Amino acid sequence: GGSISDGGGRPSVNVDGIVLSSWPGNASLPGFCGVTNDGVEGSCTRGVQGSWGVRVHRVSSFADCAARCYLCQRCRFVTYAPSEDDCSWYNRCDL
């Protein structure tokens, strides 16, 4: 499993120059949102989920994964599992 976070909070986090003003630092939970296909990024404008390979996209932390989500219009939740080379995003997640 990875970490799950809902992008609807308030505190500000700065990741590589991107200010994640709407990402709560305390909203991550262990868990699983769904199955994504490795490297299939999905559509940030119309999709419901996607996956960013952590090596390909230089994602080295949960904060990096959250930063990618912040830049993806439809992303509301992420799972980060470095051991699986995965940073996945979801529009919805049943927590």
C-alpha atoms as a PDB file:
ATOM      1  CA  GLY A   1       0.000   0.000   0.000  1.00  0.00           C
ATOM      2  CA  GLY A   2       0.905   3.613  -0.311  1.00  0.00           C
ATOM      3  CA  SER A   3      -0.142   6.826   1.313  1.00  0.00           C
ATOM      4  CA  ILE A   4      -3.469   8.386   0.420  1.00  0.00           C
ATOM      5  CA  SER A   5      -4.226  12.055   0.688  1.00  0.00           C
ATOM      6  CA  ASP A   6      -7.180  14.241  -0.162  1.00  0.00           C
ATOM      7  CA  GLY A   7      -6.166  17.505  -1.828  1.00  0.00           C
ATOM      8  CA  GLY A   8      -8.873  19.613  -0.231  1.00  0.00           C
ATOM      9  CA  GLY A   9      -7.149  21.106   2.834  1.00  0.00           C
ATOM     10  CA  ARG A  10      -5.643  24.473   3.701  1.00  0.00           C
ATOM     11  CA  PRO A  11      -1.965  24.535   4.884  1.00  0.00           C
ATOM     12  CA  SER A  12       0.768  25.690   2.505  1.00  0.00           C
ATOM     13  CA  VAL A  13       3.584  23.335   1.477  1.00  0.00           C
ATOM     14  CA  ASN A  14       6.358  24.327  -0.927  1.00  0.00           C
ATOM     15  CA  VAL A  15       7.662  21.513  -3.167  1.00  0.00           C
ATOM     16  CA  ASP A  16      10.277  22.381  -5.791  1.00  0.00           C
ATOM     17  CA  GLY A  17       8.939  25.923  -6.030  1.00  0.00           C
ATOM     18  CA  ILE A  18       5.302  24.829  -6.257  1.00  0.00           C
ATOM     19  CA  VAL A  19       3.223  26.072  -3.341  1.00  0.00           C
ATOM     20  CA  LEU A  20       0.653  23.470  -2.429  1.00  0.00           C
ATOM     21  CA  SER A  21      -1.658  25.825  -0.602  1.00  0.00           C
ATOM     22  CA  SER A  22      -4.567  23.419  -0.769  1.00  0.00           C
ATOM     23  CA  TRP A  23      -2.784  20.242   0.349  1.00  0.00           C
ATOM     24  CA  PRO A  24      -3.134  19.277   4.001  1.00  0.00           C
ATOM     25  CA  GLY A  25       0.001  17.945   5.637  1.00  0.00           C
ATOM     26  CA  ASN A  26      -1.990  15.813   8.053  1.00  0.00           C
ATOM     27  CA  ALA A  27      -4.412  14.112   5.664  1.00  0.00           C
ATOM     28  CA  SER A  28      -2.342  11.141   4.538  1.00  0.00           C
ATOM     29  CA  LEU A  29      -3.465   7.681   5.553  1.00  0.00           C
ATOM     30  CA  PRO A  30      -2.201   4.200   4.780  1.00  0.00           C
ATOM     31  CA  GLY A  31      -4.432   2.620   2.172  1.00  0.00           C
ATOM     32  CA  PHE A  32      -5.404   1.900  -1.389  1.00  0.00           C
ATOM     33  CA  CYS A  33      -7.703   3.781  -3.794  1.00  0.00           C
ATOM     34  CA  GLY A  34      -7.727   1.480  -6.792  1.00  0.00           C
ATOM     35  CA  VAL A  35      -5.732  -0.286  -9.482  1.00  0.00           C
ATOM     36  CA  THR A  36      -3.908   1.821 -12.060  1.00  0.00           C
ATOM     37  CA  ASN A  37      -1.848   0.665 -15.030  1.00  0.00           C
ATOM     38  CA  ASP A  38       1.899   1.298 -14.733  1.00  0.00           C
ATOM     39  CA  GLY A  39       2.891   4.427 -16.598  1.00  0.00           C
ATOM     40  CA  VAL A  40      -0.597   5.166 -17.955  1.00  0.00           C
ATOM     41  CA  GLU A  41      -0.851   8.772 -16.854  1.00  0.00           C
ATOM     42  CA  GLY A  42      -4.526   9.273 -17.656  1.00  0.00           C
ATOM     43  CA  SER A  43      -6.102  12.564 -18.630  1.00  0.00           C
ATOM     44  CA  CYS A  44      -5.791  15.365 -16.117  1.00  0.00           C
ATOM     45  CA  THR A  45      -8.622  17.205 -17.858  1.00  0.00           C
ATOM     46  CA  ARG A  46     -11.127  14.359 -18.361  1.00  0.00           C
ATOM     47  CA  GLY A  47      -9.823  11.237 -16.583  1.00  0.00           C
ATOM     48  CA  VAL A  48     -10.599   9.615 -13.273  1.00  0.00           C
ATOM     49  CA  GLN A  49      -7.172   8.148 -12.485  1.00  0.00           C
ATOM     50  CA  GLY A  50      -3.619   7.672 -13.700  1.00  0.00           C
ATOM     51  CA  SER A  51      -0.134   6.580 -12.723  1.00  0.00           C
ATOM     52  CA  TRP A  52       3.218   8.359 -12.795  1.00  0.00           C
ATOM     53  CA  GLY A  53       6.330   6.176 -12.589  1.00  0.00           C
ATOM     54  CA  VAL A  54       8.462   7.540  -9.757  1.00  0.00           C
ATOM     55  CA  ARG A  55      11.775   7.042 -11.585  1.00  0.00           C
ATOM     56  CA  VAL A  56      10.608   8.438 -14.930  1.00  0.00           C
ATOM     57  CA  HIS A  57       9.065  11.529 -13.315  1.00  0.00           C
ATOM     58  CA  ARG A  58      11.718  11.928 -10.593  1.00  0.00           C
ATOM     59  CA  VAL A  59       9.204  11.510  -7.792  1.00  0.00           C
ATOM     60  CA  SER A  60      11.283  10.816  -4.688  1.00  0.00           C
ATOM     61  CA  SER A  61       8.817  11.572  -1.896  1.00  0.00           C
ATOM     62  CA  PHE A  62       5.143  11.787  -1.043  1.00  0.00           C
ATOM     63  CA  ALA A  63       5.464  15.569  -1.385  1.00  0.00           C
ATOM     64  CA  ASP A  64       6.723  15.160  -4.976  1.00  0.00           C
ATOM     65  CA  CYS A  65       3.738  12.925  -5.741  1.00  0.00           C
ATOM     66  CA  ALA A  66       1.395  15.514  -4.191  1.00  0.00           C
ATOM     67  CA  ALA A  67       3.035  18.235  -6.302  1.00  0.00           C
ATOM     68  CA  ARG A  68       2.294  16.269  -9.496  1.00  0.00           C
ATOM     69  CA  CYS A  69      -1.302  15.913  -8.326  1.00  0.00           C
ATOM     70  CA  TYR A  70      -1.569  19.630  -7.654  1.00  0.00           C
ATOM     71  CA  LEU A  71      -0.700  20.258 -11.303  1.00  0.00           C
ATOM     72  CA  CYS A  72      -3.295  17.740 -12.544  1.00  0.00           C
ATOM     73  CA  GLN A  73      -6.759  19.350 -12.715  1.00  0.00           C
ATOM     74  CA  ARG A  74      -8.770  16.172 -11.956  1.00  0.00           C
ATOM     75  CA  CYS A  75      -6.475  14.833  -9.217  1.00  0.00           C
ATOM     76  CA  ARG A  76      -7.960  14.844  -5.708  1.00  0.00           C
ATOM     77  CA  PHE A  77      -6.176  11.861  -4.140  1.00  0.00           C
ATOM     78  CA  VAL A  78      -2.781  10.219  -4.569  1.00  0.00           C
ATOM     79  CA  THR A  79      -1.185   6.962  -3.553  1.00  0.00           C
ATOM     80  CA  TYR A  80       2.578   6.855  -3.272  1.00  0.00           C
ATOM     81  CA  ALA A  81       4.408   3.535  -3.192  1.00  0.00           C
ATOM     82  CA  PRO A  82       8.117   3.948  -4.010  1.00  0.00           C
ATOM     83  CA  SER A  83       8.718   0.201  -3.696  1.00  0.00           C
ATOM     84  CA  GLU A  84       6.220  -0.264  -6.540  1.00  0.00           C
ATOM     85  CA  ASP A  85       7.693   2.635  -8.604  1.00  0.00           C
ATOM     86  CA  ASP A  86       4.290   4.281  -8.341  1.00  0.00           C
ATOM     87  CA  CYS A  87       2.672   7.631  -7.746  1.00  0.00           C
ATOM     88  CA  SER A  88      -0.975   7.186  -8.734  1.00  0.00           C
ATOM     89  CA  TRP A  89      -3.697   9.802  -8.832  1.00  0.00           C
ATOM     90  CA  TYR A  90      -7.466   9.517  -8.503  1.00  0.00           C
ATOM     91  CA  ASN A  91     -10.404  11.837  -8.859  1.00  0.00           C
ATOM     92  CA  ARG A  92     -12.319   9.802  -6.256  1.00  0.00           C
ATOM     93  CA  CYS A  93     -11.325   7.415  -3.486  1.00  0.00           C
ATOM     94  CA  ASP A  94     -13.548   5.453  -1.077  1.00  0.00           C
ATOM     95  CA  LEU A  95     -11.701   5.903   2.204  1.00  0.00           C
END
